[in-house]
Amino acid sequence: GCYFFWNHVLHRRVLRVLPATPDH
């Protein structure tokens, strides 16, 4: 993701996060 993408999502509410795991 580029700067414009991350800057955009910082202006959105986070509903769900599944962080990376060693298997995925």
PDBML (XML) file of the C-alpha atoms, coordinates in Angstrom:
<?xml version="1.0" encoding="UTF-8" ?>
<PDBx:datablock datablockName="MODEL"
   xmlns:PDBx="http://pdbml.pdb.org/schema/pdbx-v50.xsd"
   xmlns:xsi="http://www.w3.org/2001/XMLSchema-instance"
   xsi:schemaLocation="http://pdbml.pdb.org/schema/pdbx-v50.xsd pdbx-v50.xsd">
   <PDBx:atom_siteCategory>
      <PDBx:atom_site id="1">
         <PDBx:B_iso_or_equiv>0.00</PDBx:B_iso_or_equiv>
         <PDBx:Cartn_x>0.000</PDBx:Cartn_x>
         <PDBx:Cartn_y>0.000</PDBx:Cartn_y>
         <PDBx:Cartn_z>0.000</PDBx:Cartn_z>
         <PDBx:auth_asym_id>A</PDBx:auth_asym_id>
         <PDBx:auth_atom_id>CA</PDBx:auth_atom_id>
         <PDBx:auth_comp_id>GLY</PDBx:auth_comp_id>
         <PDBx:auth_seq_id>1</PDBx:auth_seq_id>
         <PDBx:group_PDB>ATOM</PDBx:group_PDB>
         <PDBx:label_alt_id xsi:nil="true" />
         <PDBx:label_asym_id>A</PDBx:label_asym_id>
         <PDBx:label_atom_id>CA</PDBx:label_atom_id>
         <PDBx:label_comp_id>GLY</PDBx:label_comp_id>
         <PDBx:label_entity_id>1</PDBx:label_entity_id>
         <PDBx:label_seq_id>1</PDBx:label_seq_id>
         <PDBx:occupancy>1.00</PDBx:occupancy>
         <PDBx:pdbx_PDB_model_num>1</PDBx:pdbx_PDB_model_num>
         <PDBx:type_symbol>C</PDBx:type_symbol>
      </PDBx:atom_site>
      <PDBx:atom_site id="2">
         <PDBx:B_iso_or_equiv>0.00</PDBx:B_iso_or_equiv>
         <PDBx:Cartn_x>1.192</PDBx:Cartn_x>
         <PDBx:Cartn_y>3.488</PDBx:Cartn_y>
         <PDBx:Cartn_z>-0.909</PDBx:Cartn_z>
         <PDBx:auth_asym_id>A</PDBx:auth_asym_id>
         <PDBx:auth_atom_id>CA</PDBx:auth_atom_id>
         <PDBx:auth_comp_id>CYS</PDBx:auth_comp_id>
         <PDBx:auth_seq_id>2</PDBx:auth_seq_id>
         <PDBx:group_PDB>ATOM</PDBx:group_PDB>
         <PDBx:label_alt_id xsi:nil="true" />
         <PDBx:label_asym_id>A</PDBx:label_asym_id>
         <PDBx:label_atom_id>CA</PDBx:label_atom_id>
         <PDBx:label_comp_id>CYS</PDBx:label_comp_id>
         <PDBx:label_entity_id>1</PDBx:label_entity_id>
         <PDBx:label_seq_id>2</PDBx:label_seq_id>
         <PDBx:occupancy>1.00</PDBx:occupancy>
         <PDBx:pdbx_PDB_model_num>1</PDBx:pdbx_PDB_model_num>
         <PDBx:type_symbol>C</PDBx:type_symbol>
      </PDBx:atom_site>
      <PDBx:atom_site id="3">
         <PDBx:B_iso_or_equiv>0.00</PDBx:B_iso_or_equiv>
         <PDBx:Cartn_x>0.983</PDBx:Cartn_x>
         <PDBx:Cartn_y>6.698</PDBx:Cartn_y>
         <PDBx:Cartn_z>1.128</PDBx:Cartn_z>
         <PDBx:auth_asym_id>A</PDBx:auth_asym_id>
         <PDBx:auth_atom_id>CA</PDBx:auth_atom_id>
         <PDBx:auth_comp_id>TYR</PDBx:auth_comp_id>
         <PDBx:auth_seq_id>3</PDBx:auth_seq_id>
         <PDBx:group_PDB>ATOM</PDBx:group_PDB>
         <PDBx:label_alt_id xsi:nil="true" />
         <PDBx:label_asym_id>A</PDBx:label_asym_id>
         <PDBx:label_atom_id>CA</PDBx:label_atom_id>
         <PDBx:label_comp_id>TYR</PDBx:label_comp_id>
         <PDBx:label_entity_id>1</PDBx:label_entity_id>
         <PDBx:label_seq_id>3</PDBx:label_seq_id>
         <PDBx:occupancy>1.00</PDBx:occupancy>
         <PDBx:pdbx_PDB_model_num>1</PDBx:pdbx_PDB_model_num>
         <PDBx:type_symbol>C</PDBx:type_symbol>
      </PDBx:atom_site>
      <PDBx:atom_site id="4">
         <PDBx:B_iso_or_equiv>0.00</PDBx:B_iso_or_equiv>
         <PDBx:Cartn_x>-2.378</PDBx:Cartn_x>
         <PDBx:Cartn_y>7.688</PDBx:Cartn_y>
         <PDBx:Cartn_z>-0.355</PDBx:Cartn_z>
         <PDBx:auth_asym_id>A</PDBx:auth_asym_id>
         <PDBx:auth_atom_id>CA</PDBx:auth_atom_id>
         <PDBx:auth_comp_id>PHE</PDBx:auth_comp_id>
         <PDBx:auth_seq_id>4</PDBx:auth_seq_id>
         <PDBx:group_PDB>ATOM</PDBx:group_PDB>
         <PDBx:label_alt_id xsi:nil="true" />
         <PDBx:label_asym_id>A</PDBx:label_asym_id>
         <PDBx:label_atom_id>CA</PDBx:label_atom_id>
         <PDBx:label_comp_id>PHE</PDBx:label_comp_id>
         <PDBx:label_entity_id>1</PDBx:label_entity_id>
         <PDBx:label_seq_id>4</PDBx:label_seq_id>
         <PDBx:occupancy>1.00</PDBx:occupancy>
         <PDBx:pdbx_PDB_model_num>1</PDBx:pdbx_PDB_model_num>
         <PDBx:type_symbol>C</PDBx:type_symbol>
      </PDBx:atom_site>
      <PDBx:atom_site id="5">
         <PDBx:B_iso_or_equiv>0.00</PDBx:B_iso_or_equiv>
         <PDBx:Cartn_x>-3.923</PDBx:Cartn_x>
         <PDBx:Cartn_y>4.347</PDBx:Cartn_y>
         <PDBx:Cartn_z>0.630</PDBx:Cartn_z>
         <PDBx:auth_asym_id>A</PDBx:auth_asym_id>
         <PDBx:auth_atom_id>CA</PDBx:auth_atom_id>
         <PDBx:auth_comp_id>PHE</PDBx:auth_comp_id>
         <PDBx:auth_seq_id>5</PDBx:auth_seq_id>
         <PDBx:group_PDB>ATOM</PDBx:group_PDB>
         <PDBx:label_alt_id xsi:nil="true" />
         <PDBx:label_asym_id>A</PDBx:label_asym_id>
         <PDBx:label_atom_id>CA</PDBx:label_atom_id>
         <PDBx:label_comp_id>PHE</PDBx:label_comp_id>
         <PDBx:label_entity_id>1</PDBx:label_entity_id>
         <PDBx:label_seq_id>5</PDBx:label_seq_id>
         <PDBx:occupancy>1.00</PDBx:occupancy>
         <PDBx:pdbx_PDB_model_num>1</PDBx:pdbx_PDB_model_num>
         <PDBx:type_symbol>C</PDBx:type_symbol>
      </PDBx:atom_site>
      <PDBx:atom_site id="6">
         <PDBx:B_iso_or_equiv>0.00</PDBx:B_iso_or_equiv>
         <PDBx:Cartn_x>-2.741</PDBx:Cartn_x>
         <PDBx:Cartn_y>4.441</PDBx:Cartn_y>
         <PDBx:Cartn_z>4.239</PDBx:Cartn_z>
         <PDBx:auth_asym_id>A</PDBx:auth_asym_id>
         <PDBx:auth_atom_id>CA</PDBx:auth_atom_id>
         <PDBx:auth_comp_id>TRP</PDBx:auth_comp_id>
         <PDBx:auth_seq_id>6</PDBx:auth_seq_id>
         <PDBx:group_PDB>ATOM</PDBx:group_PDB>
         <PDBx:label_alt_id xsi:nil="true" />
         <PDBx:label_asym_id>A</PDBx:label_asym_id>
         <PDBx:label_atom_id>CA</PDBx:label_atom_id>
         <PDBx:label_comp_id>TRP</PDBx:label_comp_id>
         <PDBx:label_entity_id>1</PDBx:label_entity_id>
         <PDBx:label_seq_id>6</PDBx:label_seq_id>
         <PDBx:occupancy>1.00</PDBx:occupancy>
         <PDBx:pdbx_PDB_model_num>1</PDBx:pdbx_PDB_model_num>
         <PDBx:type_symbol>C</PDBx:type_symbol>
      </PDBx:atom_site>
      <PDBx:atom_site id="7">
         <PDBx:B_iso_or_equiv>0.00</PDBx:B_iso_or_equiv>
         <PDBx:Cartn_x>-3.643</PDBx:Cartn_x>
         <PDBx:Cartn_y>8.083</PDBx:Cartn_y>
         <PDBx:Cartn_z>4.604</PDBx:Cartn_z>
         <PDBx:auth_asym_id>A</PDBx:auth_asym_id>
         <PDBx:auth_atom_id>CA</PDBx:auth_atom_id>
         <PDBx:auth_comp_id>ASN</PDBx:auth_comp_id>
         <PDBx:auth_seq_id>7</PDBx:auth_seq_id>
         <PDBx:group_PDB>ATOM</PDBx:group_PDB>
         <PDBx:label_alt_id xsi:nil="true" />
         <PDBx:label_asym_id>A</PDBx:label_asym_id>
         <PDBx:label_atom_id>CA</PDBx:label_atom_id>
         <PDBx:label_comp_id>ASN</PDBx:label_comp_id>
         <PDBx:label_entity_id>1</PDBx:label_entity_id>
         <PDBx:label_seq_id>7</PDBx:label_seq_id>
         <PDBx:occupancy>1.00</PDBx:occupancy>
         <PDBx:pdbx_PDB_model_num>1</PDBx:pdbx_PDB_model_num>
         <PDBx:type_symbol>C</PDBx:type_symbol>
      </PDBx:atom_site>
      <PDBx:atom_site id="8">
         <PDBx:B_iso_or_equiv>0.00</PDBx:B_iso_or_equiv>
         <PDBx:Cartn_x>-7.167</PDBx:Cartn_x>
         <PDBx:Cartn_y>7.243</PDBx:Cartn_y>
         <PDBx:Cartn_z>3.432</PDBx:Cartn_z>
         <PDBx:auth_asym_id>A</PDBx:auth_asym_id>
         <PDBx:auth_atom_id>CA</PDBx:auth_atom_id>
         <PDBx:auth_comp_id>HIS</PDBx:auth_comp_id>
         <PDBx:auth_seq_id>8</PDBx:auth_seq_id>
         <PDBx:group_PDB>ATOM</PDBx:group_PDB>
         <PDBx:label_alt_id xsi:nil="true" />
         <PDBx:label_asym_id>A</PDBx:label_asym_id>
         <PDBx:label_atom_id>CA</PDBx:label_atom_id>
         <PDBx:label_comp_id>HIS</PDBx:label_comp_id>
         <PDBx:label_entity_id>1</PDBx:label_entity_id>
         <PDBx:label_seq_id>8</PDBx:label_seq_id>
         <PDBx:occupancy>1.00</PDBx:occupancy>
         <PDBx:pdbx_PDB_model_num>1</PDBx:pdbx_PDB_model_num>
         <PDBx:type_symbol>C</PDBx:type_symbol>
      </PDBx:atom_site>
      <PDBx:atom_site id="9">
         <PDBx:B_iso_or_equiv>0.00</PDBx:B_iso_or_equiv>
         <PDBx:Cartn_x>-7.767</PDBx:Cartn_x>
         <PDBx:Cartn_y>4.320</PDBx:Cartn_y>
         <PDBx:Cartn_z>5.797</PDBx:Cartn_z>
         <PDBx:auth_asym_id>A</PDBx:auth_asym_id>
         <PDBx:auth_atom_id>CA</PDBx:auth_atom_id>
         <PDBx:auth_comp_id>VAL</PDBx:auth_comp_id>
         <PDBx:auth_seq_id>9</PDBx:auth_seq_id>
         <PDBx:group_PDB>ATOM</PDBx:group_PDB>
         <PDBx:label_alt_id xsi:nil="true" />
         <PDBx:label_asym_id>A</PDBx:label_asym_id>
         <PDBx:label_atom_id>CA</PDBx:label_atom_id>
         <PDBx:label_comp_id>VAL</PDBx:label_comp_id>
         <PDBx:label_entity_id>1</PDBx:label_entity_id>
         <PDBx:label_seq_id>9</PDBx:label_seq_id>
         <PDBx:occupancy>1.00</PDBx:occupancy>
         <PDBx:pdbx_PDB_model_num>1</PDBx:pdbx_PDB_model_num>
         <PDBx:type_symbol>C</PDBx:type_symbol>
      </PDBx:atom_site>
      <PDBx:atom_site id="10">
         <PDBx:B_iso_or_equiv>0.00</PDBx:B_iso_or_equiv>
         <PDBx:Cartn_x>-6.533</PDBx:Cartn_x>
         <PDBx:Cartn_y>6.408</PDBx:Cartn_y>
         <PDBx:Cartn_z>8.738</PDBx:Cartn_z>
         <PDBx:auth_asym_id>A</PDBx:auth_asym_id>
         <PDBx:auth_atom_id>CA</PDBx:auth_atom_id>
         <PDBx:auth_comp_id>LEU</PDBx:auth_comp_id>
         <PDBx:auth_seq_id>10</PDBx:auth_seq_id>
         <PDBx:group_PDB>ATOM</PDBx:group_PDB>
         <PDBx:label_alt_id xsi:nil="true" />
         <PDBx:label_asym_id>A</PDBx:label_asym_id>
         <PDBx:label_atom_id>CA</PDBx:label_atom_id>
         <PDBx:label_comp_id>LEU</PDBx:label_comp_id>
         <PDBx:label_entity_id>1</PDBx:label_entity_id>
         <PDBx:label_seq_id>10</PDBx:label_seq_id>
         <PDBx:occupancy>1.00</PDBx:occupancy>
         <PDBx:pdbx_PDB_model_num>1</PDBx:pdbx_PDB_model_num>
         <PDBx:type_symbol>C</PDBx:type_symbol>
      </PDBx:atom_site>
      <PDBx:atom_site id="11">
         <PDBx:B_iso_or_equiv>0.00</PDBx:B_iso_or_equiv>
         <PDBx:Cartn_x>-9.732</PDBx:Cartn_x>
         <PDBx:Cartn_y>8.389</PDBx:Cartn_y>
         <PDBx:Cartn_z>8.184</PDBx:Cartn_z>
         <PDBx:auth_asym_id>A</PDBx:auth_asym_id>
         <PDBx:auth_atom_id>CA</PDBx:auth_atom_id>
         <PDBx:auth_comp_id>HIS</PDBx:auth_comp_id>
         <PDBx:auth_seq_id>11</PDBx:auth_seq_id>
         <PDBx:group_PDB>ATOM</PDBx:group_PDB>
         <PDBx:label_alt_id xsi:nil="true" />
         <PDBx:label_asym_id>A</PDBx:label_asym_id>
         <PDBx:label_atom_id>CA</PDBx:label_atom_id>
         <PDBx:label_comp_id>HIS</PDBx:label_comp_id>
         <PDBx:label_entity_id>1</PDBx:label_entity_id>
         <PDBx:label_seq_id>11</PDBx:label_seq_id>
         <PDBx:occupancy>1.00</PDBx:occupancy>
         <PDBx:pdbx_PDB_model_num>1</PDBx:pdbx_PDB_model_num>
         <PDBx:type_symbol>C</PDBx:type_symbol>
      </PDBx:atom_site>
      <PDBx:atom_site id="12">
         <PDBx:B_iso_or_equiv>0.00</PDBx:B_iso_or_equiv>
         <PDBx:Cartn_x>-11.926</PDBx:Cartn_x>
         <PDBx:Cartn_y>5.274</PDBx:Cartn_y>
         <PDBx:Cartn_z>8.513</PDBx:Cartn_z>
         <PDBx:auth_asym_id>A</PDBx:auth_asym_id>
         <PDBx:auth_atom_id>CA</PDBx:auth_atom_id>
         <PDBx:auth_comp_id>ARG</PDBx:auth_comp_id>
         <PDBx:auth_seq_id>12</PDBx:auth_seq_id>
         <PDBx:group_PDB>ATOM</PDBx:group_PDB>
         <PDBx:label_alt_id xsi:nil="true" />
         <PDBx:label_asym_id>A</PDBx:label_asym_id>
         <PDBx:label_atom_id>CA</PDBx:label_atom_id>
         <PDBx:label_comp_id>ARG</PDBx:label_comp_id>
         <PDBx:label_entity_id>1</PDBx:label_entity_id>
         <PDBx:label_seq_id>12</PDBx:label_seq_id>
         <PDBx:occupancy>1.00</PDBx:occupancy>
         <PDBx:pdbx_PDB_model_num>1</PDBx:pdbx_PDB_model_num>
         <PDBx:type_symbol>C</PDBx:type_symbol>
      </PDBx:atom_site>
      <PDBx:atom_site id="13">
         <PDBx:B_iso_or_equiv>0.00</PDBx:B_iso_or_equiv>
         <PDBx:Cartn_x>-13.221</PDBx:Cartn_x>
         <PDBx:Cartn_y>3.400</PDBx:Cartn_y>
         <PDBx:Cartn_z>11.531</PDBx:Cartn_z>
         <PDBx:auth_asym_id>A</PDBx:auth_asym_id>
         <PDBx:auth_atom_id>CA</PDBx:auth_atom_id>
         <PDBx:auth_comp_id>ARG</PDBx:auth_comp_id>
         <PDBx:auth_seq_id>13</PDBx:auth_seq_id>
         <PDBx:group_PDB>ATOM</PDBx:group_PDB>
         <PDBx:label_alt_id xsi:nil="true" />
         <PDBx:label_asym_id>A</PDBx:label_asym_id>
         <PDBx:label_atom_id>CA</PDBx:label_atom_id>
         <PDBx:label_comp_id>ARG</PDBx:label_comp_id>
         <PDBx:label_entity_id>1</PDBx:label_entity_id>
         <PDBx:label_seq_id>13</PDBx:label_seq_id>
         <PDBx:occupancy>1.00</PDBx:occupancy>
         <PDBx:pdbx_PDB_model_num>1</PDBx:pdbx_PDB_model_num>
         <PDBx:type_symbol>C</PDBx:type_symbol>
      </PDBx:atom_site>
      <PDBx:atom_site id="14">
         <PDBx:B_iso_or_equiv>0.00</PDBx:B_iso_or_equiv>
         <PDBx:Cartn_x>-11.580</PDBx:Cartn_x>
         <PDBx:Cartn_y>0.001</PDBx:Cartn_y>
         <PDBx:Cartn_z>12.046</PDBx:Cartn_z>
         <PDBx:auth_asym_id>A</PDBx:auth_asym_id>
         <PDBx:auth_atom_id>CA</PDBx:auth_atom_id>
         <PDBx:auth_comp_id>VAL</PDBx:auth_comp_id>
         <PDBx:auth_seq_id>14</PDBx:auth_seq_id>
         <PDBx:group_PDB>ATOM</PDBx:group_PDB>
         <PDBx:label_alt_id xsi:nil="true" />
         <PDBx:label_asym_id>A</PDBx:label_asym_id>
         <PDBx:label_atom_id>CA</PDBx:label_atom_id>
         <PDBx:label_comp_id>VAL</PDBx:label_comp_id>
         <PDBx:label_entity_id>1</PDBx:label_entity_id>
         <PDBx:label_seq_id>14</PDBx:label_seq_id>
         <PDBx:occupancy>1.00</PDBx:occupancy>
         <PDBx:pdbx_PDB_model_num>1</PDBx:pdbx_PDB_model_num>
         <PDBx:type_symbol>C</PDBx:type_symbol>
      </PDBx:atom_site>
      <PDBx:atom_site id="15">
         <PDBx:B_iso_or_equiv>0.00</PDBx:B_iso_or_equiv>
         <PDBx:Cartn_x>-14.214</PDBx:Cartn_x>
         <PDBx:Cartn_y>-2.728</PDBx:Cartn_y>
         <PDBx:Cartn_z>12.332</PDBx:Cartn_z>
         <PDBx:auth_asym_id>A</PDBx:auth_asym_id>
         <PDBx:auth_atom_id>CA</PDBx:auth_atom_id>
         <PDBx:auth_comp_id>LEU</PDBx:auth_comp_id>
         <PDBx:auth_seq_id>15</PDBx:auth_seq_id>
         <PDBx:group_PDB>ATOM</PDBx:group_PDB>
         <PDBx:label_alt_id xsi:nil="true" />
         <PDBx:label_asym_id>A</PDBx:label_asym_id>
         <PDBx:label_atom_id>CA</PDBx:label_atom_id>
         <PDBx:label_comp_id>LEU</PDBx:label_comp_id>
         <PDBx:label_entity_id>1</PDBx:label_entity_id>
         <PDBx:label_seq_id>15</PDBx:label_seq_id>
         <PDBx:occupancy>1.00</PDBx:occupancy>
         <PDBx:pdbx_PDB_model_num>1</PDBx:pdbx_PDB_model_num>
         <PDBx:type_symbol>C</PDBx:type_symbol>
      </PDBx:atom_site>
      <PDBx:atom_site id="16">
         <PDBx:B_iso_or_equiv>0.00</PDBx:B_iso_or_equiv>
         <PDBx:Cartn_x>-12.090</PDBx:Cartn_x>
         <PDBx:Cartn_y>-5.879</PDBx:Cartn_y>
         <PDBx:Cartn_z>12.446</PDBx:Cartn_z>
         <PDBx:auth_asym_id>A</PDBx:auth_asym_id>
         <PDBx:auth_atom_id>CA</PDBx:auth_atom_id>
         <PDBx:auth_comp_id>ARG</PDBx:auth_comp_id>
         <PDBx:auth_seq_id>16</PDBx:auth_seq_id>
         <PDBx:group_PDB>ATOM</PDBx:group_PDB>
         <PDBx:label_alt_id xsi:nil="true" />
         <PDBx:label_asym_id>A</PDBx:label_asym_id>
         <PDBx:label_atom_id>CA</PDBx:label_atom_id>
         <PDBx:label_comp_id>ARG</PDBx:label_comp_id>
         <PDBx:label_entity_id>1</PDBx:label_entity_id>
         <PDBx:label_seq_id>16</PDBx:label_seq_id>
         <PDBx:occupancy>1.00</PDBx:occupancy>
         <PDBx:pdbx_PDB_model_num>1</PDBx:pdbx_PDB_model_num>
         <PDBx:type_symbol>C</PDBx:type_symbol>
      </PDBx:atom_site>
      <PDBx:atom_site id="17">
         <PDBx:B_iso_or_equiv>0.00</PDBx:B_iso_or_equiv>
         <PDBx:Cartn_x>-8.412</PDBx:Cartn_x>
         <PDBx:Cartn_y>-6.841</PDBx:Cartn_y>
         <PDBx:Cartn_z>12.368</PDBx:Cartn_z>
         <PDBx:auth_asym_id>A</PDBx:auth_asym_id>
         <PDBx:auth_atom_id>CA</PDBx:auth_atom_id>
         <PDBx:auth_comp_id>VAL</PDBx:auth_comp_id>
         <PDBx:auth_seq_id>17</PDBx:auth_seq_id>
         <PDBx:group_PDB>ATOM</PDBx:group_PDB>
         <PDBx:label_alt_id xsi:nil="true" />
         <PDBx:label_asym_id>A</PDBx:label_asym_id>
         <PDBx:label_atom_id>CA</PDBx:label_atom_id>
         <PDBx:label_comp_id>VAL</PDBx:label_comp_id>
         <PDBx:label_entity_id>1</PDBx:label_entity_id>
         <PDBx:label_seq_id>17</PDBx:label_seq_id>
         <PDBx:occupancy>1.00</PDBx:occupancy>
         <PDBx:pdbx_PDB_model_num>1</PDBx:pdbx_PDB_model_num>
         <PDBx:type_symbol>C</PDBx:type_symbol>
      </PDBx:atom_site>
      <PDBx:atom_site id="18">
         <PDBx:B_iso_or_equiv>0.00</PDBx:B_iso_or_equiv>
         <PDBx:Cartn_x>-6.863</PDBx:Cartn_x>
         <PDBx:Cartn_y>-10.263</PDBx:Cartn_y>
         <PDBx:Cartn_z>11.846</PDBx:Cartn_z>
         <PDBx:auth_asym_id>A</PDBx:auth_asym_id>
         <PDBx:auth_atom_id>CA</PDBx:auth_atom_id>
         <PDBx:auth_comp_id>LEU</PDBx:auth_comp_id>
         <PDBx:auth_seq_id>18</PDBx:auth_seq_id>
         <PDBx:group_PDB>ATOM</PDBx:group_PDB>
         <PDBx:label_alt_id xsi:nil="true" />
         <PDBx:label_asym_id>A</PDBx:label_asym_id>
         <PDBx:label_atom_id>CA</PDBx:label_atom_id>
         <PDBx:label_comp_id>LEU</PDBx:label_comp_id>
         <PDBx:label_entity_id>1</PDBx:label_entity_id>
         <PDBx:label_seq_id>18</PDBx:label_seq_id>
         <PDBx:occupancy>1.00</PDBx:occupancy>
         <PDBx:pdbx_PDB_model_num>1</PDBx:pdbx_PDB_model_num>
         <PDBx:type_symbol>C</PDBx:type_symbol>
      </PDBx:atom_site>
      <PDBx:atom_site id="19">
         <PDBx:B_iso_or_equiv>0.00</PDBx:B_iso_or_equiv>
         <PDBx:Cartn_x>-3.089</PDBx:Cartn_x>
         <PDBx:Cartn_y>-9.819</PDBx:Cartn_y>
         <PDBx:Cartn_z>12.071</PDBx:Cartn_z>
         <PDBx:auth_asym_id>A</PDBx:auth_asym_id>
         <PDBx:auth_atom_id>CA</PDBx:auth_atom_id>
         <PDBx:auth_comp_id>PRO</PDBx:auth_comp_id>
         <PDBx:auth_seq_id>19</PDBx:auth_seq_id>
         <PDBx:group_PDB>ATOM</PDBx:group_PDB>
         <PDBx:label_alt_id xsi:nil="true" />
         <PDBx:label_asym_id>A</PDBx:label_asym_id>
         <PDBx:label_atom_id>CA</PDBx:label_atom_id>
         <PDBx:label_comp_id>PRO</PDBx:label_comp_id>
         <PDBx:label_entity_id>1</PDBx:label_entity_id>
         <PDBx:label_seq_id>19</PDBx:label_seq_id>
         <PDBx:occupancy>1.00</PDBx:occupancy>
         <PDBx:pdbx_PDB_model_num>1</PDBx:pdbx_PDB_model_num>
         <PDBx:type_symbol>C</PDBx:type_symbol>
      </PDBx:atom_site>
      <PDBx:atom_site id="20">
         <PDBx:B_iso_or_equiv>0.00</PDBx:B_iso_or_equiv>
         <PDBx:Cartn_x>-0.594</PDBx:Cartn_x>
         <PDBx:Cartn_y>-12.005</PDBx:Cartn_y>
         <PDBx:Cartn_z>10.260</PDBx:Cartn_z>
         <PDBx:auth_asym_id>A</PDBx:auth_asym_id>
         <PDBx:auth_atom_id>CA</PDBx:auth_atom_id>
         <PDBx:auth_comp_id>ALA</PDBx:auth_comp_id>
         <PDBx:auth_seq_id>20</PDBx:auth_seq_id>
         <PDBx:group_PDB>ATOM</PDBx:group_PDB>
         <PDBx:label_alt_id xsi:nil="true" />
         <PDBx:label_asym_id>A</PDBx:label_asym_id>
         <PDBx:label_atom_id>CA</PDBx:label_atom_id>
         <PDBx:label_comp_id>ALA</PDBx:label_comp_id>
         <PDBx:label_entity_id>1</PDBx:label_entity_id>
         <PDBx:label_seq_id>20</PDBx:label_seq_id>
         <PDBx:occupancy>1.00</PDBx:occupancy>
         <PDBx:pdbx_PDB_model_num>1</PDBx:pdbx_PDB_model_num>
         <PDBx:type_symbol>C</PDBx:type_symbol>
      </PDBx:atom_site>
      <PDBx:atom_site id="21">
         <PDBx:B_iso_or_equiv>0.00</PDBx:B_iso_or_equiv>
         <PDBx:Cartn_x>0.467</PDBx:Cartn_x>
         <PDBx:Cartn_y>-15.311</PDBx:Cartn_y>
         <PDBx:Cartn_z>11.800</PDBx:Cartn_z>
         <PDBx:auth_asym_id>A</PDBx:auth_asym_id>
         <PDBx:auth_atom_id>CA</PDBx:auth_atom_id>
         <PDBx:auth_comp_id>THR</PDBx:auth_comp_id>
         <PDBx:auth_seq_id>21</PDBx:auth_seq_id>
         <PDBx:group_PDB>ATOM</PDBx:group_PDB>
         <PDBx:label_alt_id xsi:nil="true" />
         <PDBx:label_asym_id>A</PDBx:label_asym_id>
         <PDBx:label_atom_id>CA</PDBx:label_atom_id>
         <PDBx:label_comp_id>THR</PDBx:label_comp_id>
         <PDBx:label_entity_id>1</PDBx:label_entity_id>
         <PDBx:label_seq_id>21</PDBx:label_seq_id>
         <PDBx:occupancy>1.00</PDBx:occupancy>
         <PDBx:pdbx_PDB_model_num>1</PDBx:pdbx_PDB_model_num>
         <PDBx:type_symbol>C</PDBx:type_symbol>
      </PDBx:atom_site>
      <PDBx:atom_site id="22">
         <PDBx:B_iso_or_equiv>0.00</PDBx:B_iso_or_equiv>
         <PDBx:Cartn_x>3.542</PDBx:Cartn_x>
         <PDBx:Cartn_y>-17.490</PDBx:Cartn_y>
         <PDBx:Cartn_z>11.174</PDBx:Cartn_z>
         <PDBx:auth_asym_id>A</PDBx:auth_asym_id>
         <PDBx:auth_atom_id>CA</PDBx:auth_atom_id>
         <PDBx:auth_comp_id>PRO</PDBx:auth_comp_id>
         <PDBx:auth_seq_id>22</PDBx:auth_seq_id>
         <PDBx:group_PDB>ATOM</PDBx:group_PDB>
         <PDBx:label_alt_id xsi:nil="true" />
         <PDBx:label_asym_id>A</PDBx:label_asym_id>
         <PDBx:label_atom_id>CA</PDBx:label_atom_id>
         <PDBx:label_comp_id>PRO</PDBx:label_comp_id>
         <PDBx:label_entity_id>1</PDBx:label_entity_id>
         <PDBx:label_seq_id>22</PDBx:label_seq_id>
         <PDBx:occupancy>1.00</PDBx:occupancy>
         <PDBx:pdbx_PDB_model_num>1</PDBx:pdbx_PDB_model_num>
         <PDBx:type_symbol>C</PDBx:type_symbol>
      </PDBx:atom_site>
      <PDBx:atom_site id="23">
         <PDBx:B_iso_or_equiv>0.00</PDBx:B_iso_or_equiv>
         <PDBx:Cartn_x>1.369</PDBx:Cartn_x>
         <PDBx:Cartn_y>-19.764</PDBx:Cartn_y>
         <PDBx:Cartn_z>9.033</PDBx:Cartn_z>
         <PDBx:auth_asym_id>A</PDBx:auth_asym_id>
         <PDBx:auth_atom_id>CA</PDBx:auth_atom_id>
         <PDBx:auth_comp_id>ASP</PDBx:auth_comp_id>
         <PDBx:auth_seq_id>23</PDBx:auth_seq_id>
         <PDBx:group_PDB>ATOM</PDBx:group_PDB>
         <PDBx:label_alt_id xsi:nil="true" />
         <PDBx:label_asym_id>A</PDBx:label_asym_id>
         <PDBx:label_atom_id>CA</PDBx:label_atom_id>
         <PDBx:label_comp_id>ASP</PDBx:label_comp_id>
         <PDBx:label_entity_id>1</PDBx:label_entity_id>
         <PDBx:label_seq_id>23</PDBx:label_seq_id>
         <PDBx:occupancy>1.00</PDBx:occupancy>
         <PDBx:pdbx_PDB_model_num>1</PDBx:pdbx_PDB_model_num>
         <PDBx:type_symbol>C</PDBx:type_symbol>
      </PDBx:atom_site>
      <PDBx:atom_site id="24">
         <PDBx:B_iso_or_equiv>0.00</PDBx:B_iso_or_equiv>
         <PDBx:Cartn_x>-0.311</PDBx:Cartn_x>
         <PDBx:Cartn_y>-16.926</PDBx:Cartn_y>
         <PDBx:Cartn_z>7.127</PDBx:Cartn_z>
         <PDBx:auth_asym_id>A</PDBx:auth_asym_id>
         <PDBx:auth_atom_id>CA</PDBx:auth_atom_id>
         <PDBx:auth_comp_id>HIS</PDBx:auth_comp_id>
         <PDBx:auth_seq_id>24</PDBx:auth_seq_id>
         <PDBx:group_PDB>ATOM</PDBx:group_PDB>
         <PDBx:label_alt_id xsi:nil="true" />
         <PDBx:label_asym_id>A</PDBx:label_asym_id>
         <PDBx:label_atom_id>CA</PDBx:label_atom_id>
         <PDBx:label_comp_id>HIS</PDBx:label_comp_id>
         <PDBx:label_entity_id>1</PDBx:label_entity_id>
         <PDBx:label_seq_id>24</PDBx:label_seq_id>
         <PDBx:occupancy>1.00</PDBx:occupancy>
         <PDBx:pdbx_PDB_model_num>1</PDBx:pdbx_PDB_model_num>
         <PDBx:type_symbol>C</PDBx:type_symbol>
      </PDBx:atom_site>
   </PDBx:atom_siteCategory>
</PDBx:datablock>
